[in-house]
Each structure stands twice: as C-alpha cells, then as structure tokens.
C-alpha cells in the first residue's frame, strides 16, 4: 500500500451560535421576539429600548451598506452553510435543514421529517405532491393530471412521481397524506397498522365494499365476505377508529388578540407597506457603549449587542421585502376579495426577493399583516394554482360559494352545473373538484339542499 498526499481546496463556514440566532429570529413570532428582546435588555446593559414617541432613526449610510451586504440573499451563502466543503447543488440550501420549530402546517412538518432520510430529488417530488394537497391532506386534483403537470415542472417522469406519491401515502405521522379520496386514505392508514385478521378483513372492506359499510349492513357484509359476523364487526371497529381525513383539523383556538407585524394600506393610487414597530420593542446601542467597551468583559457584550441589532435589521428587511411582494402580487385579492386571489408559491416570492424558499417559509410563519380586508396571516396570501386554470384553487372555491349563495331557492345547482358555469368563464374544473370544494365549505349536495328547502317551505 502506497501512501500519498493530496491537496484539496474548499470553502467552508461553521454555523456559529450568532448565525444560528439570526436564522432563528426569522421564524419567531412578534410575541416571542418581544419576550426575547426583553431578556436581552435585562442581560446586556449596552442596549436600550427606543421610546415609542421617538421616530425611527435614519439608518447610517455605512450601516445600511453593511446590512445590505449581509442580507439573506448574500449572507450566508448556501454553499457556506454546509459546515464543510461544498459538493451539492447551489439551490440545495442547507438552511432548509435547520430545524424551523414546530410548524402548524402538517405538510411542512412532514417535509422536515423526510429531510433526514430522503435525497433532494425525493424531497422535491414529495413537496410537489404536498403543495397539491388541501388543508385536510387530500389532493386538489386527480393524481394522473397532477403527475403530468409535475413532469413538465420538475422534469421527472410522471411514473416516477406517481411512485413517489405511493411512498408518501405511508410516510410520517399522517398515513394517507396525498390521498385522492377517503377510500385511499383509509387504505393507507390500514397498511400502516400491524398485520392482523381484523386488518386483512378491513382492507378488503375498504377496497371493495365501502358502499355496504356506509349502509351499516353488517349481515350483508358478512355474507359477501364469507366471514363470521364477529370478525366483520372487529374489522368495522378497526375502520371506525381511523381518521376520516389524512390530517384532522385542530380544535379552534381560544379567541386572542393579534398584533400585526406589517401594515398595508392604499394611498396615492397605490399600496403602501411598512413594519408595525409597535409589535416589538426597538433597540439601540446606549450612548456610552463605545466608551464602556474599553473595560474588561464589556467587549463581548458590545459584540453581542451589535450582532443582535444586525440580526434584527436583517429580519425586518426580509419581512418587509416579503410583505411588499405579497401585497403587490395579491392586489386583486385585497381590492376585490377571495375570488381574485392569484396563484402564488413560496418559490415565486423567494426568487423575486433573491432568497431561498426556506427563508420565505420562516419569515411568513406566524406573522400577520393588517389590511383594509382585515388582519391576515402572511401565509394566507399564498395560493396553489389549479391545473389548467390561471386562477388559484382558493379563488375557485370562493366562486363555488358565490354561485351556490346566488342559486335559485327552488332549483339548487348540481356540481356538474357549477362546473359548466365556471367553464363558460374560462375556468375548466372537473365535477369532482367542485364537489370537493363544496364539501370543504360544508355545503350539502344539491339534492339535500332541495329537500331542506322543501321542508322549510312546508313548515312556513
């Protein structure tokens, strides 16, 4: 065996505690940030809070240039965040692998779990399917059309995307995620359970006899399956223990006051956006900070204070840039309402402000914007594009609601009629898509609405 020496050049940067703090500040809410800044004020005597009646200080030109060079599109560069020599794709930002806290969005949490065991290509395919899911975890459209659309968008064969969806159905703590319908969701949840006679029988019922299960006809099911009634009852009990949707909606939180992080208003023929400085305390260096730094032990406190101010500046700059893009892209929604909300993704906003998608995800989580239409979470301004349409799924859902609200009382609109009416407006959606949105809006089918209207007329 012959020993040899090799020279190798590479760039690397260690994730220092200060850098991790800057990344973490992006994702904390205004309440959490306020609490943390109060702790910093108590710990560091070189920082002081700016009185509320003081106008925000004009940025020093040299400090502004420093902040600009340290903005999230340049500091840190993705290749430096790997903690070692870089050998991956420039678009594979390692900041996306840094824990972003417990997201309230199950799709984001599932992606975070998969990051530890999946390749970048597998993550991209999983993200594609999750982006096409509604809040309950069901696909917004049929798997086939979505796979063909993904083939064009990602350059990955449709068959490979469909195989990735099959794996996603069993991934993480939400079996059935990206299911096309309740039957497929229940089937995926059963496959995730340990093998047993009840599970085997339940899989058969879900795959072939859901209609009989819906009629609660135990005797007919037992006869069809050629199984004892006790075994069928055990299988039904197992099915009823499953979740009806991949993701169960959490209970409504207690009413709470929300302090917006950003304020948007219409003035001078356009939209203005600014940060709400009342949501968190503003900090600055004390007047004696530079003189105090000459004493023993104070240099570290001064460095900490400067880094905190710099991190806050970067956070506020990213938040303001993101909010301005969201307001500019969703002017129609802010002016005309739900039906005018435009398709918009994290990637599109990230590309416009020159940062990674993970940065936009962090800065919009738990942040609120005050608008003439109310105080909204920033993530509310994102919307998934429906295949074959230039509008978002949220806009189509609002159109479905309006058409049903305006329907004649004596002749409720069936789902296929609503789909035809939307097609005349240039929006082509399948009848099952209309039915899915109607169910999400908790609106009964046309037949039931007609029956309820008849009962009201008889009682009246």
Protein backbone atom coordinates (compact mmCIF):
# COMPACT_ATOMS: atom_id res chain seq x y z
CA UNK A 1 0.00 0.00 0.00
CA UNK A 2 1.47 3.32 -1.07
CA UNK A 3 0.84 6.45 0.96
CA UNK A 4 0.31 9.75 -0.86
CA UNK A 5 -0.57 13.33 -0.12
CA UNK A 6 -3.26 15.27 -1.95
CA UNK A 7 -4.02 18.97 -1.85
CA UNK A 8 -7.68 19.92 -1.84
CA UNK A 9 -9.23 23.38 -1.81
CA UNK A 10 -12.66 24.10 -0.47
CA UNK A 11 -14.75 26.79 1.18
CA UNK A 12 -16.46 26.23 4.48
CA UNK A 13 -18.11 28.14 7.25
CA UNK A 14 -19.05 26.95 10.72
CA UNK A 15 -22.59 27.61 11.89
CA UNK A 16 -21.75 29.86 14.81
CA UNK A 17 -24.27 30.48 17.61
CA UNK A 18 -24.71 34.03 16.31
CA UNK A 19 -25.51 32.83 12.81
CA UNK A 20 -27.97 30.27 14.12
CA UNK A 21 -29.57 33.03 16.18
CA UNK A 22 -30.04 35.14 13.04
CA UNK A 23 -31.71 32.25 11.24
CA UNK A 24 -33.94 31.51 14.24
CA UNK A 25 -35.05 35.15 14.57
CA UNK A 26 -36.65 34.85 11.14
CA UNK A 27 -39.20 32.33 12.35
CA UNK A 28 -40.17 33.60 15.81
CA UNK A 29 -43.49 35.42 16.16
CA UNK A 30 -43.71 39.03 17.30
CA UNK A 31 -44.78 37.89 20.78
CA UNK A 32 -41.81 35.52 21.07
CA UNK A 33 -39.46 38.16 19.70
CA UNK A 34 -40.73 40.75 22.19
CA UNK A 35 -40.14 38.36 25.09
CA UNK A 36 -36.64 37.52 23.84
CA UNK A 37 -35.70 41.16 23.37
CA UNK A 38 -36.82 41.94 26.92
CA UNK A 39 -34.47 39.22 28.16
CA UNK A 40 -31.65 40.67 26.05
CA UNK A 41 -32.28 44.11 27.52
CA UNK A 42 -32.05 42.71 31.05
CA UNK A 43 -28.85 40.80 30.24
CA UNK A 44 -26.95 43.38 28.18
CA UNK A 45 -26.54 46.88 29.66
CA UNK A 46 -25.16 48.25 26.37
CA UNK A 47 -28.61 48.01 24.74
CA UNK A 48 -31.58 50.22 25.44
CA UNK A 49 -35.15 50.40 24.20
CA UNK A 50 -36.12 53.23 21.87
CA UNK A 51 -39.03 55.21 23.40
CA UNK A 52 -42.29 54.82 21.48
CA UNK A 53 -42.58 58.56 20.87
CA UNK A 54 -39.17 58.63 19.17
CA UNK A 55 -39.21 58.46 15.39
CA UNK A 56 -37.32 55.52 13.92
CA UNK A 57 -33.71 56.68 13.48
CA UNK A 58 -32.48 57.21 9.95
CA UNK A 59 -30.02 54.45 9.03
CA UNK A 60 -26.38 55.38 8.87
CA UNK A 61 -25.13 55.04 5.25
CA UNK A 62 -22.26 52.76 6.24
CA UNK A 63 -24.54 50.67 8.46
CA UNK A 64 -27.12 50.43 5.67
CA UNK A 65 -24.44 49.21 3.30
CA UNK A 66 -23.37 46.62 5.85
CA UNK A 67 -26.94 45.39 6.27
CA UNK A 68 -27.40 45.25 2.52
CA UNK A 69 -24.29 43.14 2.08
CA UNK A 70 -25.44 40.90 4.92
CA UNK A 71 -28.97 40.45 3.59
CA UNK A 72 -30.30 36.93 3.28
CA UNK A 73 -29.60 36.79 -0.43
CA UNK A 74 -25.88 37.01 0.33
CA UNK A 75 -25.21 36.18 3.99
CA UNK A 76 -24.86 33.39 4.45
CA UNK A 77 -24.38 31.91 1.00
CA UNK A 78 -25.94 28.43 0.75
CA UNK A 79 -22.58 26.82 -0.05
CA UNK A 80 -21.07 28.15 3.18
CA UNK A 81 -23.79 26.69 5.40
CA UNK A 82 -22.93 23.05 4.84
CA UNK A 83 -20.33 23.13 7.61
CA UNK A 84 -17.77 21.63 5.24
CA UNK A 85 -16.62 21.68 1.65
CA UNK A 86 -19.49 22.20 -0.74
CA UNK A 87 -20.30 19.42 -3.16
CA UNK A 88 -24.00 19.84 -3.84
CA UNK A 89 -26.44 21.85 -5.86
CA UNK A 90 -26.39 25.60 -5.31
CA UNK A 91 -30.19 25.51 -4.95
CA UNK A 92 -29.95 22.96 -2.13
CA UNK A 93 -29.82 25.45 0.73
CA UNK A 94 -28.66 23.75 3.95
CA UNK A 95 -30.60 26.36 5.96
CA UNK A 96 -33.65 24.36 4.93
CA UNK A 97 -32.31 21.51 7.07
CA UNK A 98 -32.04 23.64 10.20
CA UNK A 99 -34.99 23.00 12.48
CA UNK A 100 -37.59 25.69 11.91
CA UNK A 101 -39.60 24.96 15.03
CA UNK A 102 -42.91 23.14 15.19
CA UNK A 103 -44.82 24.36 12.15
CA UNK A 104 -48.60 24.37 12.36
CA UNK A 105 -48.75 23.16 8.75
CA UNK A 106 -48.59 19.33 8.67
CA UNK A 107 -47.23 19.45 5.12
CA UNK A 108 -44.20 21.42 6.29
CA UNK A 109 -43.72 19.15 9.31
CA UNK A 110 -43.83 16.05 7.11
CA UNK A 111 -41.18 17.53 4.80
CA UNK A 112 -38.99 18.29 7.82
CA UNK A 113 -39.26 14.65 8.91
CA UNK A 114 -38.39 13.41 5.42
CA UNK A 115 -35.28 15.61 5.12
CA UNK A 116 -33.32 13.19 7.28
CA UNK A 117 -33.88 10.15 5.07
CA UNK A 118 -34.62 11.44 1.56
CA UNK A 119 -32.49 12.68 -1.31
CA UNK A 120 -33.06 16.20 -2.72
CA UNK A 121 -34.93 14.70 -5.69
CA UNK A 122 -37.20 12.68 -3.40
CA UNK A 123 -37.87 15.78 -1.31
CA UNK A 124 -38.72 17.77 -4.44
CA UNK A 125 -41.23 15.13 -5.52
CA UNK A 126 -42.75 14.97 -2.03
CA UNK A 127 -43.01 18.77 -1.92
CA UNK A 128 -44.76 18.72 -5.30
CA UNK A 129 -47.47 16.37 -4.04
CA UNK A 130 -47.84 18.17 -0.71
CA UNK A 131 -48.23 21.52 -2.48
CA UNK A 132 -51.13 19.96 -4.38
CA UNK A 133 -52.91 18.93 -1.15
CA UNK A 134 -55.62 20.85 0.65
CA UNK A 135 -55.57 21.53 4.40
CA UNK A 136 -57.06 18.09 5.11
CA UNK A 137 -54.29 16.30 3.19
CA UNK A 138 -56.30 15.31 0.10
CA UNK A 139 -55.09 16.05 -3.43
CA UNK A 140 -56.77 19.03 -5.06
CA UNK A 141 -56.96 17.15 -8.37
CA UNK A 142 -56.63 13.60 -9.70
CA UNK A 143 -53.14 12.01 -9.40
CA UNK A 144 -52.76 11.45 -13.16
CA UNK A 145 -53.13 15.09 -14.28
CA UNK A 146 -51.01 16.27 -11.36
CA UNK A 147 -48.25 13.81 -12.28
CA UNK A 148 -48.25 15.05 -15.90
CA UNK A 149 -48.10 18.63 -14.67
CA UNK A 150 -45.22 17.72 -12.35
CA UNK A 151 -43.38 16.07 -15.26
CA UNK A 152 -43.34 19.42 -17.05
CA UNK A 153 -42.49 21.45 -13.96
CA UNK A 154 -39.81 19.20 -12.43
CA UNK A 155 -38.54 17.28 -15.45
CA UNK A 156 -39.24 14.00 -13.64
CA UNK A 157 -41.21 11.23 -15.41
CA UNK A 158 -44.85 11.03 -14.40
CA UNK A 159 -44.47 7.36 -13.47
CA UNK A 160 -41.67 8.26 -11.03
CA UNK A 161 -43.83 10.98 -9.48
CA UNK A 162 -46.73 8.55 -9.05
CA UNK A 163 -44.39 6.06 -7.35
CA UNK A 164 -43.23 8.85 -5.02
CA UNK A 165 -46.87 9.54 -4.11
CA UNK A 166 -47.36 5.88 -3.19
CA UNK A 167 -44.43 6.16 -0.77
CA UNK A 168 -45.78 9.44 0.59
CA UNK A 169 -49.10 7.77 1.43
CA UNK A 170 -47.30 5.76 4.13
CA UNK A 171 -44.75 8.36 5.24
CA UNK A 172 -44.60 10.18 8.54
CA UNK A 173 -47.21 10.51 11.24
CA UNK A 174 -50.08 11.13 8.79
CA UNK A 175 -50.69 7.95 6.77
CA UNK A 176 -52.88 8.76 3.80
CA UNK A 177 -51.31 12.15 3.06
CA UNK A 178 -51.76 12.99 -0.65
CA UNK A 179 -54.62 10.51 -0.97
CA UNK A 180 -57.03 11.07 -3.84
CA UNK A 181 -60.17 10.16 -1.87
CA UNK A 182 -61.30 8.88 1.56
CA UNK A 183 -61.09 5.24 0.44
CA UNK A 184 -57.42 5.56 -0.46
CA UNK A 185 -56.79 7.44 2.80
CA UNK A 186 -58.36 4.67 4.91
CA UNK A 187 -56.49 2.02 2.90
CA UNK A 188 -53.15 3.74 3.58
CA UNK A 189 -53.87 4.01 7.30
CA UNK A 190 -54.72 0.31 7.46
CA UNK A 191 -51.50 -0.61 5.63
CA UNK A 192 -49.55 1.29 8.29
CA UNK A 193 -51.02 -0.88 11.08
CA UNK A 194 -49.57 -4.22 12.25
CA UNK A 195 -50.86 -7.30 10.44
CA UNK A 196 -53.90 -9.00 11.99
CA UNK A 197 -57.04 -10.85 10.83
CA UNK A 198 -59.13 -7.74 11.50
CA UNK A 199 -56.75 -5.60 9.41
CA UNK A 200 -56.89 -8.07 6.49
CA UNK A 201 -60.68 -8.05 6.53
CA UNK A 202 -60.77 -4.25 6.93
CA UNK A 203 -58.52 -3.82 3.85
CA UNK A 204 -60.98 -5.91 1.81
CA UNK A 205 -63.95 -3.88 3.05
CA UNK A 206 -62.28 -0.52 2.29
CA UNK A 207 -61.11 -1.67 -1.15
CA UNK A 208 -64.36 -3.26 -2.38
CA UNK A 209 -67.31 -2.76 -0.03
CA UNK A 210 -67.32 0.85 1.21
CA UNK A 211 -70.90 1.27 -0.05
CA UNK A 212 -72.11 -1.58 2.14
CA UNK A 213 -70.12 -0.21 5.07
CA UNK A 214 -71.85 3.15 4.62
CA UNK A 215 -75.24 1.39 4.89
CA UNK A 216 -74.16 -0.27 8.18
CA UNK A 217 -75.40 -3.59 6.82
CA UNK A 218 -73.35 -5.99 8.95
CA UNK A 219 -75.25 -9.08 7.82
CA UNK A 220 -74.84 -8.34 4.12
CA UNK A 221 -71.14 -7.61 4.62
CA UNK A 222 -70.60 -10.88 6.46
CA UNK A 223 -72.38 -12.78 3.69
CA UNK A 224 -70.42 -11.03 0.94
CA UNK A 225 -67.09 -11.64 2.68
CA UNK A 226 -68.00 -15.19 3.78
CA UNK A 227 -66.74 -14.29 7.23
CA UNK A 228 -68.26 -14.63 10.73
CA UNK A 229 -70.25 -11.63 11.94
CA UNK A 230 -67.89 -11.22 14.91
CA UNK A 231 -64.85 -10.94 12.62
CA UNK A 232 -66.63 -8.41 10.39
CA UNK A 233 -67.64 -6.40 13.46
CA UNK A 234 -64.00 -6.31 14.61
CA UNK A 235 -62.89 -5.13 11.16
CA UNK A 236 -65.54 -2.40 11.14
CA UNK A 237 -64.47 -1.29 14.62
CA UNK A 238 -60.91 -1.02 13.32
CA UNK A 239 -62.05 1.07 10.32
CA UNK A 240 -64.11 3.38 12.54
CA UNK A 241 -61.02 4.01 14.67
CA UNK A 242 -59.23 5.56 11.68
CA UNK A 243 -59.22 9.23 10.81
CA UNK A 244 -61.66 10.27 8.06
CA UNK A 245 -59.02 12.63 6.63
CA UNK A 246 -55.21 12.37 6.43
CA UNK A 247 -54.92 15.41 8.72
CA UNK A 248 -57.53 16.13 11.35
CA UNK A 249 -58.18 19.83 11.78
CA UNK A 250 -57.08 21.05 15.22
CA UNK A 251 -59.74 22.43 17.55
CA UNK A 252 -60.50 26.09 17.22
CA UNK A 253 -58.09 28.06 19.41
CA UNK A 254 -59.31 30.36 22.11
CA UNK A 255 -60.03 33.89 20.85
CA UNK A 256 -56.92 36.02 21.12
CA UNK A 257 -55.80 39.45 20.10
CA UNK A 258 -53.37 39.59 17.18
CA UNK A 259 -50.83 42.36 16.84
CA UNK A 260 -49.91 42.68 13.13
CA UNK A 261 -46.24 42.61 12.16
CA UNK A 262 -46.85 44.55 8.93
CA UNK A 263 -49.39 47.19 7.91
CA UNK A 264 -50.61 47.66 4.32
CA UNK A 265 -52.92 50.43 3.15
CA UNK A 266 -53.96 52.01 -0.12
CA UNK A 267 -52.83 55.62 -0.67
CA UNK A 268 -51.87 57.87 -3.56
CA UNK A 269 -53.18 55.41 -6.13
CA UNK A 270 -51.09 52.51 -4.88
CA UNK A 271 -50.38 50.20 -1.97
CA UNK A 272 -48.05 51.19 0.85
CA UNK A 273 -46.42 48.69 3.20
CA UNK A 274 -44.50 49.29 6.42
CA UNK A 275 -43.48 47.37 9.50
CA UNK A 276 -45.51 47.77 12.69
CA UNK A 277 -42.86 48.89 15.16
CA UNK A 278 -45.39 48.70 18.00
CA UNK A 279 -45.45 44.88 17.74
CA UNK A 280 -41.93 44.52 19.19
CA UNK A 281 -39.63 46.87 21.12
CA UNK A 282 -36.97 48.68 19.10
CA UNK A 283 -33.42 48.55 20.41
CA UNK A 284 -30.33 50.68 20.01
CA UNK A 285 -26.86 50.95 21.49
CA UNK A 286 -26.54 53.10 24.59
CA UNK A 287 -24.74 56.40 24.21
CA UNK A 288 -21.87 55.16 26.40
CA UNK A 289 -21.48 51.79 24.63
CA UNK A 290 -18.25 52.61 22.80
CA UNK A 291 -16.58 54.04 25.92
CA UNK A 292 -17.71 51.08 28.05
CA UNK A 293 -16.22 48.61 25.56
CA UNK A 294 -12.75 49.53 26.81
CA UNK A 295 -13.43 47.90 30.19
CA UNK A 296 -12.75 44.23 30.85
CA UNK A 297 -15.61 41.93 29.89
CA UNK A 298 -17.56 44.63 28.05
CA UNK A 299 -16.17 43.94 24.55
CA UNK A 300 -18.12 40.66 24.38
CA UNK A 301 -21.31 42.45 25.41
CA UNK A 302 -20.75 45.08 22.72
CA UNK A 303 -20.21 42.39 20.07
CA UNK A 304 -23.37 40.64 21.22
CA UNK A 305 -25.34 43.91 21.08
CA UNK A 306 -24.11 44.73 17.59
CA UNK A 307 -24.92 41.24 16.33
CA UNK A 308 -28.41 41.37 17.80
CA UNK A 309 -29.09 44.73 16.14
CA UNK A 310 -27.70 43.41 12.87
CA UNK A 311 -29.83 40.25 13.08
CA UNK A 312 -32.94 42.30 13.81
CA UNK A 313 -32.16 44.54 10.85
CA UNK A 314 -31.82 41.53 8.57
CA UNK A 315 -35.08 40.04 9.91
CA UNK A 316 -37.02 43.27 9.46
CA UNK A 317 -35.56 43.83 5.99
CA UNK A 318 -36.55 40.31 4.89
CA UNK A 319 -40.03 40.66 6.41
CA UNK A 320 -40.64 43.99 4.69
CA UNK A 321 -39.38 42.77 1.30
CA UNK A 322 -41.57 39.67 1.53
CA UNK A 323 -44.66 41.63 2.57
CA UNK A 324 -44.21 44.09 -0.29
CA UNK A 325 -44.04 41.27 -2.83
CA UNK A 326 -47.11 39.58 -1.34
CA UNK A 327 -49.12 42.80 -1.41
CA UNK A 328 -48.01 43.61 -4.96
CA UNK A 329 -48.91 40.14 -6.23
CA UNK A 330 -52.23 39.94 -4.34
CA UNK A 331 -53.62 43.41 -5.04
CA UNK A 332 -56.63 41.84 -6.69
CA UNK A 333 -57.46 39.88 -3.55
CA UNK A 334 -57.01 42.92 -1.30
CA UNK A 335 -59.21 45.06 -3.52
CA UNK A 336 -61.87 42.64 -4.79
CA UNK A 337 -61.93 39.71 -2.43
CA UNK A 338 -61.44 35.95 -2.33
CA UNK A 339 -62.28 35.28 -5.97
CA UNK A 340 -59.37 37.44 -7.11
CA UNK A 341 -56.63 35.72 -5.11
CA UNK A 342 -53.82 34.85 -7.52
CA UNK A 343 -51.75 31.65 -7.58
CA UNK A 344 -48.57 32.28 -5.62
CA UNK A 345 -45.94 29.95 -4.15
CA UNK A 346 -43.04 30.28 -1.74
CA UNK A 347 -40.64 29.68 -4.62
CA UNK A 348 -42.00 32.60 -6.67
CA UNK A 349 -41.65 35.03 -3.76
CA UNK A 350 -38.19 33.68 -2.91
CA UNK A 351 -36.99 34.19 -6.48
CA UNK A 352 -38.33 37.75 -6.57
CA UNK A 353 -36.53 38.88 -3.41
CA UNK A 354 -33.47 36.70 -4.04
CA UNK A 355 -33.59 34.28 -1.09
CA UNK A 356 -34.23 30.58 -0.56
CA UNK A 357 -37.74 29.15 -0.12
CA UNK A 358 -36.92 28.11 3.45
CA UNK A 359 -36.26 31.77 4.31
CA UNK A 360 -39.65 32.84 2.97
CA UNK A 361 -41.31 29.98 4.84
CA UNK A 362 -39.70 31.05 8.10
CA UNK A 363 -40.43 34.75 7.74
CA UNK A 364 -44.12 34.21 6.89
CA UNK A 365 -44.89 31.65 9.61
CA UNK A 366 -46.83 33.20 12.48
CA UNK A 367 -46.56 36.73 11.01
CA UNK A 368 -49.65 38.87 10.36
CA UNK A 369 -50.43 41.77 8.07
CA UNK A 370 -53.10 44.41 8.72
CA UNK A 371 -55.04 45.31 5.55
CA UNK A 372 -58.35 47.00 4.73
CA UNK A 373 -59.70 43.46 4.31
CA UNK A 374 -58.73 42.54 7.87
CA UNK A 375 -55.69 41.21 9.68
CA UNK A 376 -54.40 38.13 7.84
CA UNK A 377 -51.57 35.69 8.32
CA UNK A 378 -48.94 36.23 5.64
CA UNK A 379 -49.25 32.58 4.57
CA UNK A 380 -52.89 33.38 3.77
CA UNK A 381 -51.63 35.31 0.73
CA UNK A 382 -50.18 32.17 -0.87
CA UNK A 383 -52.42 30.03 -3.08
CA UNK A 384 -51.97 26.86 -5.13
CA UNK A 385 -52.56 27.09 -8.88
CA UNK A 386 -55.21 24.72 -10.19
CA UNK A 387 -54.09 22.76 -13.23
CA UNK A 388 -55.45 24.13 -16.49
CA UNK A 389 -56.56 27.43 -14.96
CA UNK A 390 -54.94 30.79 -14.46
CA UNK A 391 -56.57 31.19 -11.06
CA UNK A 392 -55.92 29.58 -7.70
CA UNK A 393 -57.85 26.84 -6.02
CA UNK A 394 -58.86 29.28 -3.27
CA UNK A 395 -60.37 31.63 -5.86
CA UNK A 396 -62.35 28.80 -7.45
CA UNK A 397 -63.60 27.72 -4.03
CA UNK A 398 -64.86 31.29 -3.46
CA UNK A 399 -66.59 31.23 -6.86
CA UNK A 400 -68.31 27.95 -5.94
CA UNK A 401 -69.56 29.53 -2.71
CA UNK A 402 -70.88 32.61 -4.56
CA UNK A 403 -72.68 30.54 -7.20
CA UNK A 404 -74.38 28.44 -4.52
CA UNK A 405 -75.28 31.52 -2.46
CA UNK A 406 -76.91 33.09 -5.54
CA UNK A 407 -78.65 29.92 -6.79
CA UNK A 408 -82.47 29.88 -7.13
CA UNK A 409 -84.05 28.52 -3.95
CA UNK A 410 -86.32 26.17 -5.92
CA UNK A 411 -83.53 24.85 -8.19
CA UNK A 412 -80.20 24.30 -6.39
CA UNK A 413 -77.19 23.95 -8.67
CA UNK A 414 -75.70 20.48 -9.06
CA UNK A 415 -71.92 20.08 -9.09
CA UNK A 416 -71.77 19.42 -12.84
CA UNK A 417 -73.87 22.53 -13.49
CA UNK A 418 -71.46 24.63 -11.40
CA UNK A 419 -68.51 23.15 -13.33
CA UNK A 420 -70.23 24.09 -16.61
CA UNK A 421 -70.88 27.65 -15.38
CA UNK A 422 -67.22 28.03 -14.42
CA UNK A 423 -66.18 26.65 -17.82
CA UNK A 424 -68.18 29.42 -19.51
CA UNK A 425 -65.98 31.85 -17.57
CA UNK A 426 -62.87 30.13 -18.94
CA UNK A 427 -62.19 28.11 -15.78
CA UNK A 428 -62.27 24.39 -16.51
CA UNK A 429 -62.56 22.18 -13.45
CA UNK A 430 -63.86 18.66 -13.02
CA UNK A 431 -67.17 17.94 -11.32
CA UNK A 432 -65.35 16.05 -8.55
CA UNK A 433 -63.21 19.14 -7.90
CA UNK A 434 -66.36 21.23 -7.46
CA UNK A 435 -67.74 18.54 -5.14
CA UNK A 436 -64.51 18.56 -3.11
CA UNK A 437 -64.59 22.35 -2.68
CA UNK A 438 -68.29 22.23 -1.78
CA UNK A 439 -67.54 19.66 0.93
CA UNK A 440 -64.70 21.81 2.25
CA UNK A 441 -67.18 24.69 2.51
CA UNK A 442 -69.57 22.42 4.49
CA UNK A 443 -72.29 22.84 1.85
CA UNK A 444 -74.70 19.96 1.27
CA UNK A 445 -75.25 18.42 -2.22
CA UNK A 446 -77.93 19.90 -4.48
CA UNK A 447 -80.40 17.10 -3.73
CA UNK A 448 -80.14 17.66 0.01
CA UNK A 449 -80.37 21.43 -0.37
CA UNK A 450 -83.53 20.98 -2.45
CA UNK A 451 -85.00 18.68 0.20
CA UNK A 452 -84.18 21.13 3.01
CA UNK A 453 -85.70 23.99 1.03
CA UNK A 454 -88.90 21.96 0.54
CA UNK A 455 -89.09 21.25 4.26
CA UNK A 456 -88.70 24.94 5.05
CA UNK A 457 -91.48 25.81 2.63
CA UNK A 458 -93.81 23.22 4.16
CA UNK A 459 -93.08 24.44 7.67
CA UNK A 460 -93.54 28.04 6.56
